[in-house]
Each structure stands twice: as structure tokens, then as C-alpha cells.
Amino acid sequence: MERSTPLHRVTALLATAATFLLGAAVTESGAAQQEHFVRQMGLRHSPDQVFDRPVEQILPVLADAKRTRANGRVGYELAFWGYELKDGRDVSLFACALVPNVDCAARVEAICPRGGSRVLEQQETKGKVVHRKCQAVATGTSSSVQPGCDDTLNDAGDLLVGLVSCG
């Protein structure tokens, strides 16, 4: 015996709507988590502003390397800088804040635009983090500092630092 009363139809409709809304919320939540792993280019700070000593002392292979303009970040916890090693290989130096709920491995993977990142070496070290507080401005002059923004350097504590190769 099939029940087809108005109450059963409303209950079925509500169950269907709840399932749809739950699925949309899960999809939106997953998309929000993935946004933090998007590679963004144009990082303005040099490694010298992040590390308390020259990068060559942290990773000696960078002693004869040339900086490239491939600088960026993945989320707010990982910054990377492009280098060409003495042997011609392109690599990225990365620094990721070792804080709870931050998956540095996933962020390192996002450095390479087509995937296939290979960590060549990595280690933990101390570093600094730049806190940027910005206000909307109507106009600004071109400089190395963003108009309407104040930057302050603070100790970041432990960083995962390394080299990654793409491809």
C-alpha cells in the first residue's frame, strides 16, 4: 500500500531539498579549502626579508644560483622564489610556516602550475613573516610597497624550507 498523502509528499520534498543543500554545502566547503592551495604569482618580498641569514647558508646549492622572477605564494602560509641553479635547472625555494592545520606538503605541490613537483631537499629553520595591513586608497604611486599597506615583520617561528623542481 503506497501512501501519497500531502504530508508524505511534503516530507519527501523536504528530504530532497535537504539532500541538495547538504551536497551544495559540502561542495562549497571543499572549494573554499582548495582556494588556499591556489598558486598566486607576484610576491614582493625577497627571501632576505624572510630568513634571518642568507639563503646560501640555509641551502648551499643556492650559492651560485640566479634569481628569476617566478615568485609567489600558496595560501598565506607558503612563499616561494624562483632560481636557476648553476647547472641550468629551474627550481623554487619555498618557505612554509609550520603551524597547526597547515599541510605544507599540499602547498608545496601547488607551487608547480602543472603539478609534478619534486622536492629536492628540505629542512626546518627559523624565519620571519610579513603581516600586511591594507586600507583602500583612491590612487597610489608605483613602488615596491603596496599603496595603502603597512608591513611589519614578526618572528614566524619554525619554517619548512626547501627546493622544489617542477616537471
Protein backbone atom coordinates (compact mmCIF):
# COMPACT_ATOMS: atom_id res chain seq x y z
CA MET A 1 0.00 0.00 0.00
CA GLU A 2 1.56 3.29 -1.15
CA ARG A 3 0.96 6.40 0.88
CA SER A 4 0.52 9.56 -1.12
CA THR A 5 -0.92 11.97 1.37
CA PRO A 6 0.03 15.66 1.26
CA LEU A 7 2.10 15.20 4.46
CA HIS A 8 4.14 12.38 2.84
CA ARG A 9 4.71 14.47 -0.29
CA VAL A 10 5.89 17.49 1.75
CA THR A 11 8.20 15.26 3.81
CA ALA A 12 9.68 13.75 0.64
CA LEU A 13 10.13 17.22 -0.87
CA LEU A 14 11.87 18.49 2.29
CA ALA A 15 14.16 15.44 2.37
CA THR A 16 15.12 16.03 -1.28
CA ALA A 17 15.79 19.73 -0.64
CA ALA A 18 17.87 18.96 2.46
CA THR A 19 19.97 16.45 0.50
CA PHE A 20 20.55 19.03 -2.26
CA LEU A 21 21.51 21.77 0.22
CA LEU A 22 23.86 19.45 2.12
CA GLY A 23 25.56 18.45 -1.13
CA ALA A 24 25.95 22.10 -2.13
CA ALA A 25 27.40 22.98 1.29
CA VAL A 26 29.92 20.14 1.10
CA THR A 27 30.93 21.17 -2.43
CA GLU A 28 31.29 24.83 -1.36
CA SER A 29 33.31 23.82 1.72
CA GLY A 30 35.66 21.74 -0.42
CA ALA A 31 36.06 24.60 -2.89
CA ALA A 32 36.85 27.01 -0.04
CA GLN A 33 39.55 24.67 1.25
CA GLN A 34 41.06 24.34 -2.24
CA GLU A 35 41.22 28.15 -2.64
CA HIS A 36 44.03 28.25 -0.09
CA PHE A 37 46.10 26.00 -2.34
CA VAL A 38 45.93 28.25 -5.37
CA ARG A 39 49.30 29.42 -6.70
CA GLN A 40 49.44 33.22 -6.82
CA MET A 41 52.33 34.95 -8.51
CA GLY A 42 53.88 38.34 -7.78
CA LEU A 43 55.31 38.01 -4.27
CA ARG A 44 57.08 41.28 -3.48
CA HIS A 45 59.23 40.21 -0.54
CA SER A 46 62.65 38.74 -1.14
CA PRO A 47 63.98 35.74 0.78
CA ASP A 48 66.29 38.16 2.63
CA GLN A 49 63.20 39.65 4.27
CA VAL A 50 62.03 36.24 5.45
CA PHE A 51 65.17 34.48 6.67
CA ASP A 52 67.47 35.63 9.44
CA ARG A 53 70.53 34.65 7.39
CA PRO A 54 71.40 34.43 3.67
CA VAL A 55 69.64 31.62 1.80
CA GLU A 56 73.04 30.28 0.73
CA GLN A 57 73.70 29.43 4.38
CA ILE A 58 70.40 27.56 4.63
CA LEU A 59 70.64 25.79 1.26
CA PRO A 60 74.25 25.90 -0.02
CA VAL A 61 73.19 24.80 -3.53
CA LEU A 62 71.82 28.35 -4.00
CA ALA A 63 75.28 29.93 -3.58
CA ASP A 64 75.84 30.25 -7.34
CA ALA A 65 72.18 30.32 -8.38
CA LYS A 66 70.49 33.20 -10.22
CA ARG A 67 67.18 34.59 -9.02
CA THR A 68 64.33 34.52 -11.54
CA ARG A 69 61.07 36.45 -11.40
CA ALA A 70 58.94 33.38 -10.62
CA ASN A 71 57.95 34.49 -7.11
CA GLY A 72 54.64 33.74 -5.47
CA ARG A 73 52.70 32.17 -2.66
CA VAL A 74 50.30 29.34 -1.99
CA GLY A 75 47.82 30.39 0.65
CA TYR A 76 49.12 32.68 3.34
CA GLU A 77 51.49 30.10 4.82
CA LEU A 78 53.85 29.33 1.92
CA ALA A 79 56.04 31.68 -0.13
CA PHE A 80 58.32 30.66 -3.00
CA TRP A 81 61.05 32.24 -5.10
CA GLY A 82 62.39 31.07 -8.45
CA TYR A 83 66.06 30.29 -9.03
CA GLU A 84 68.17 28.95 -11.86
CA LEU A 85 70.85 26.66 -10.47
CA LYS A 86 74.43 26.67 -11.75
CA ASP A 87 73.68 23.52 -13.79
CA GLY A 88 70.76 25.27 -15.56
CA ARG A 89 67.88 23.63 -13.67
CA ASP A 90 64.94 25.82 -12.65
CA VAL A 91 63.90 25.35 -9.03
CA SER A 92 61.83 27.16 -6.45
CA LEU A 93 62.97 27.93 -2.93
CA PHE A 94 59.98 27.62 -0.61
CA ALA A 95 59.25 28.52 2.99
CA CYS A 96 56.13 27.18 4.71
CA ALA A 97 55.01 28.12 8.21
CA LEU A 98 54.89 25.04 10.43
CA VAL A 99 51.67 25.79 12.27
CA PRO A 100 48.73 23.58 13.25
CA ASN A 101 46.24 22.73 10.49
CA VAL A 102 48.65 23.72 7.68
CA ASP A 103 49.51 20.99 5.20
CA CYS A 104 52.85 22.20 3.83
CA ALA A 105 53.15 19.17 1.52
CA ALA A 106 49.89 20.09 -0.27
CA ARG A 107 51.00 23.70 -0.59
CA VAL A 108 54.42 22.68 -1.96
CA GLU A 109 52.65 20.52 -4.56
CA ALA A 110 50.70 23.62 -5.70
CA ILE A 111 53.90 25.56 -6.49
CA CYS A 112 54.12 23.81 -9.86
CA PRO A 113 51.34 25.04 -12.17
CA ARG A 114 51.00 21.69 -13.99
CA GLY A 115 51.68 19.51 -10.96
CA GLY A 116 54.56 17.09 -10.79
CA SER A 117 56.53 18.89 -8.12
CA ARG A 118 59.57 17.06 -6.80
CA VAL A 119 61.12 18.16 -3.50
CA LEU A 120 64.89 18.11 -3.94
CA GLU A 121 65.72 18.91 -0.32
CA GLN A 122 64.03 20.40 2.72
CA GLN A 123 64.71 21.24 6.35
CA GLU A 124 63.29 23.18 9.26
CA THR A 125 64.66 26.60 10.17
CA LYS A 126 63.59 29.81 11.91
CA GLY A 127 62.19 32.72 9.95
CA LYS A 128 60.03 35.82 9.85
CA VAL A 129 56.59 36.51 8.48
CA VAL A 130 55.30 39.73 6.95
CA HIS A 131 51.96 40.94 8.27
CA ARG A 132 50.34 43.31 5.79
CA LYS A 133 47.50 45.60 6.87
CA CYS A 134 45.91 47.41 3.93
CA GLN A 135 43.35 50.15 3.53
CA ALA A 136 41.55 51.07 0.33
CA VAL A 137 43.13 54.07 -1.40
CA ALA A 138 41.98 56.02 -4.43
CA THR A 139 45.41 56.46 -6.03
CA GLY A 140 48.93 55.40 -5.37
CA THR A 141 52.40 55.79 -6.70
CA SER A 142 54.36 52.89 -8.13
CA SER A 143 56.86 51.46 -5.69
CA SER A 144 57.93 48.16 -4.16
CA VAL A 145 55.36 48.69 -1.40
CA GLN A 146 51.64 48.32 -1.99
CA PRO A 147 49.79 51.65 -1.70
CA GLY A 148 47.73 51.92 1.48
CA CYS A 149 49.51 48.98 3.14
CA ASP A 150 51.72 48.81 6.20
CA ASP A 151 54.07 45.84 6.51
CA THR A 152 55.50 44.59 9.78
CA LEU A 153 57.97 41.75 10.20
CA ASN A 154 57.40 39.29 13.03
CA ASP A 155 59.10 36.07 14.01
CA ALA A 156 57.34 33.17 12.30
CA GLY A 157 58.97 30.51 14.38
CA ASP A 158 59.63 27.25 12.59
CA LEU A 159 59.53 27.14 8.81
CA LEU A 160 59.81 24.20 6.43
CA VAL A 161 62.33 25.38 3.85
CA GLY A 162 63.39 23.59 0.71
CA LEU A 163 63.84 23.37 -3.02
CA VAL A 164 61.25 22.03 -5.42
CA SER A 165 61.58 21.19 -9.10
CA CYS A 166 58.59 21.18 -11.45
CA GLY A 167 58.10 18.56 -14.10
